[in-house]
Protein backbone atom coordinates (compact mmCIF):
# COMPACT_ATOMS: atom_id res chain seq x y z
CA MET A 1 101.09 93.80 -38.01
CA CYS A 2 99.16 96.80 -39.33
CA LEU A 3 101.38 99.09 -37.33
CA ARG A 4 104.50 98.32 -39.33
CA PRO A 5 103.12 99.44 -42.71
CA ALA A 6 101.73 102.60 -41.09
CA ALA A 7 105.09 103.38 -39.47
CA ALA A 8 106.89 102.75 -42.76
CA LEU A 9 104.45 105.02 -44.56
CA LEU A 10 104.97 107.76 -41.96
CA LEU A 11 108.75 107.45 -42.26
CA ALA A 12 108.55 107.63 -46.05
CA ALA A 13 106.31 110.69 -45.87
CA SER A 14 108.68 112.48 -43.52
CA ILE A 15 111.65 111.71 -45.78
CA LEU A 16 109.76 112.97 -48.82
CA ALA A 17 108.68 116.08 -46.96
CA CYS A 18 112.32 116.98 -46.42
CA SER A 19 113.44 116.15 -49.95
CA ALA A 20 112.45 119.52 -51.38
CA PRO A 21 113.00 123.08 -50.18
CA PRO A 22 110.16 124.45 -48.04
CA GLU A 23 109.01 127.00 -50.62
CA LYS A 24 105.65 127.66 -48.99
CA GLU A 25 107.33 128.81 -45.78
CA ARG A 26 109.80 130.93 -47.75
CA HIS A 27 106.93 132.69 -49.52
CA GLN A 28 105.21 133.25 -46.18
CA ALA A 29 108.41 134.78 -44.82
CA GLU A 30 108.80 137.01 -47.88
CA GLY A 31 105.22 138.21 -47.53
CA ALA A 32 105.66 138.90 -43.84
CA LEU A 33 108.88 140.82 -44.55
CA ALA A 34 107.14 142.92 -47.20
CA ALA A 35 104.34 143.71 -44.76
CA ALA A 36 106.82 144.64 -42.03
CA ARG A 37 108.70 146.96 -44.40
CA ALA A 38 105.41 148.59 -45.41
CA ALA A 39 104.59 149.09 -41.72
CA GLY A 40 107.81 151.05 -41.28
CA ALA A 41 109.95 148.39 -39.61
CA ALA A 42 113.11 149.87 -41.11
CA THR A 43 112.47 153.03 -39.07
CA TYR A 44 110.71 151.73 -35.98
CA ALA A 45 112.06 148.14 -35.60
CA PRO A 46 115.38 147.98 -37.47
CA ASP A 47 116.89 145.22 -35.31
CA GLU A 48 113.89 142.93 -35.71
CA ILE A 49 113.58 143.41 -39.47
CA GLY A 50 117.34 142.92 -39.85
CA ALA A 51 117.23 139.63 -37.97
CA ALA A 52 114.34 138.40 -40.11
CA GLU A 53 116.18 139.35 -43.30
CA ARG A 54 119.31 137.53 -42.09
CA SER A 55 117.25 134.42 -41.37
CA LEU A 56 115.84 134.49 -44.89
CA ALA A 57 119.35 134.88 -46.35
CA ALA A 58 120.51 131.92 -44.24
CA TYR A 59 117.55 129.97 -45.64
CA ASP A 60 119.05 130.34 -49.11
CA ASP A 61 122.39 129.03 -47.85
CA ALA A 62 120.69 126.03 -46.21
CA VAL A 63 118.81 125.25 -49.43
CA ALA A 64 122.06 125.42 -51.39
CA ARG A 65 123.50 122.83 -48.98
CA ARG A 66 120.28 120.79 -49.35
CA ASP A 67 119.67 121.05 -45.62
CA TYR A 68 115.93 121.43 -45.94
CA ARG A 69 115.16 120.94 -42.26
CA GLN A 70 117.43 123.84 -41.42
CA ALA A 71 115.90 125.84 -44.29
CA LEU A 72 112.42 125.20 -42.90
CA SER A 73 113.48 126.35 -39.45
CA LEU A 74 115.07 129.49 -40.88
CA ALA A 75 112.04 130.34 -43.02
CA ILE A 76 109.80 130.03 -39.97
CA ASP A 77 112.21 132.18 -37.95
CA ALA A 78 112.20 134.79 -40.72
CA ARG A 79 108.41 134.81 -40.88
CA ASP A 80 107.99 135.07 -37.11
CA GLY A 81 110.68 137.73 -36.89
CA ALA A 82 108.96 139.74 -39.59
CA TYR A 83 105.65 139.51 -37.73
CA GLU A 84 107.40 140.80 -34.59
CA ALA A 85 109.03 143.61 -36.59
CA ALA A 86 105.64 144.65 -37.96
CA ARG A 87 104.13 144.65 -34.48
CA ARG A 88 106.97 146.71 -33.02
CA ALA A 89 106.85 149.08 -35.98
CA ALA A 90 103.16 149.73 -35.35
CA ASP A 91 103.88 150.37 -31.66
CA GLY A 92 106.84 152.62 -32.47
CA ARG A 93 104.88 154.59 -35.03
CA ALA A 94 102.05 155.17 -32.55
CA ILE A 95 104.49 156.37 -29.89
CA ALA A 96 106.28 158.66 -32.36
CA GLN A 97 102.98 160.06 -33.61
CA ALA A 98 101.80 160.80 -30.07
CA GLY A 99 105.13 162.45 -29.27
CA ALA A 100 105.05 164.62 -32.37
CA GLU A 101 101.46 165.67 -31.74
CA ARG A 102 102.24 166.49 -28.10
CA LEU A 103 105.20 168.68 -29.11
CA ILE A 104 103.11 170.45 -31.76
CA LEU A 105 100.40 171.24 -29.21
CA GLU A 106 102.99 172.53 -26.77
CA ALA A 107 104.58 174.70 -29.46
CA GLU A 108 101.16 176.14 -30.34
CA GLY A 109 100.56 177.08 -26.71
CA LEU A 110 103.99 178.66 -26.34
CA LEU A 111 103.55 180.62 -29.57
CA ARG A 112 100.18 181.92 -28.31
CA GLU A 113 101.93 183.11 -25.16
CA ILE A 114 104.53 184.93 -27.25
CA GLU A 115 101.74 186.47 -29.37
CA THR A 116 100.14 187.72 -26.17
CA ARG A 117 103.40 189.31 -25.09
CA LEU A 118 103.87 190.90 -28.49
CA ALA A 119 100.34 192.33 -28.42
CA SER A 120 100.64 193.65 -24.88
CA SER A 121 101.75 197.11 -23.93
CA PRO A 122 105.35 198.10 -24.70
CA SER A 123 106.26 198.23 -21.01
CA SER A 124 105.33 194.57 -20.45
CA ARG A 125 107.38 193.50 -23.47
CA GLY A 126 110.51 195.03 -22.07
CA THR A 127 112.97 196.89 -24.27
CA PRO A 128 112.65 197.18 -28.05
CA THR A 129 115.36 194.51 -28.23
CA ASP A 130 113.09 192.16 -26.26
CA ALA A 131 110.22 192.83 -28.67
CA GLY A 132 112.49 192.01 -31.61
CA ARG A 133 113.60 188.80 -29.90
CA TRP A 134 109.96 187.82 -29.26
CA GLN A 135 109.11 188.48 -32.89
CA THR A 136 112.08 186.45 -34.12
CA LEU A 137 111.12 183.55 -31.84
CA HIS A 138 107.53 183.77 -33.01
CA ASP A 139 108.49 183.75 -36.69
CA SER A 140 110.96 180.87 -36.42
CA GLY A 141 108.56 178.91 -34.20
CA THR A 142 105.70 179.39 -36.65
CA ARG A 143 107.84 178.14 -39.55
CA ALA A 144 108.99 175.10 -37.57
CA LEU A 145 105.42 174.36 -36.54
CA GLN A 146 104.22 174.46 -40.16
CA GLU A 147 107.03 172.14 -41.22
CA ALA A 148 106.29 169.74 -38.36
CA ARG A 149 102.60 169.65 -39.26
CA SER A 150 103.52 168.86 -42.85
CA LEU A 151 105.81 166.05 -41.70
CA VAL A 152 103.02 164.63 -39.52
CA GLY A 153 100.70 164.78 -42.53
CA ASN A 154 103.29 162.71 -44.44
CA ARG A 155 103.49 160.28 -41.49
CA GLU A 156 107.13 161.21 -40.85
CA PHE A 157 106.74 161.36 -37.09
CA PRO A 158 110.40 161.14 -35.98
CA ALA A 159 111.31 163.94 -38.40
CA ALA A 160 108.42 166.05 -37.08
CA GLN A 161 109.63 165.55 -33.52
CA ALA A 162 113.18 166.44 -34.52
CA ARG A 163 111.97 169.61 -36.23
CA VAL A 164 109.78 170.98 -33.45
CA ALA A 165 111.56 169.78 -30.27
CA PRO A 166 114.42 172.32 -30.33
CA VAL A 167 111.96 175.13 -31.03
CA VAL A 168 109.85 174.11 -28.03
CA GLU A 169 112.99 174.17 -25.87
CA ASP A 170 113.91 177.64 -27.16
CA LEU A 171 110.39 178.95 -26.55
CA ARG A 172 110.29 177.48 -23.04
CA ALA A 173 113.66 179.03 -22.19
CA ALA A 174 112.64 182.43 -23.57
CA LEU A 175 109.34 182.47 -21.72
CA ASN A 176 110.79 181.20 -18.47
CA PRO A 177 114.48 182.16 -18.31
CA ALA A 178 114.85 180.90 -14.74
CA ALA A 179 113.77 177.38 -15.76
CA GLY A 180 116.14 177.44 -18.73
CA ALA A 181 119.06 178.37 -16.46
CA GLU A 182 118.20 175.54 -14.04
CA ARG A 183 118.39 172.92 -16.83
CA ARG A 184 121.88 173.97 -17.82
């Protein structure tokens, strides 16, 4: 006999639990989305952050229809999606940072090699035209390297990679013309 009142109480509690929008879960999802955006998810995990934002927008539609079970599910999906976006953003940022730093180090080494060629005897530099080309490459490479370092300092790793990568390719091709011709 005691089981019936307990079952009735459980049923009433579950009905009451679904009679109001799941605001706590919505707030959790909003907080997780804010954290993911702050972690750079728009840059490093755009698909994941977009899916989480769509789930939160669908939550609002479900609440408007008074489908609170669906709203709860969508809020949880949004929260979990935002957590995944934040995790992927952290991974993506670390990969981009490592790539930018690797390219900067390579550019520094290539620029040192050009400096060595510029400082060497005129016969090892080639013609005066070659010396002018080396100097032009050195100057443009140095500027690009400074800009890339500044971008890394601002934590703009993809932009730093984009700035220094073509310069590294140009320096490689100039220092090793045979390798540059093979790539083409």
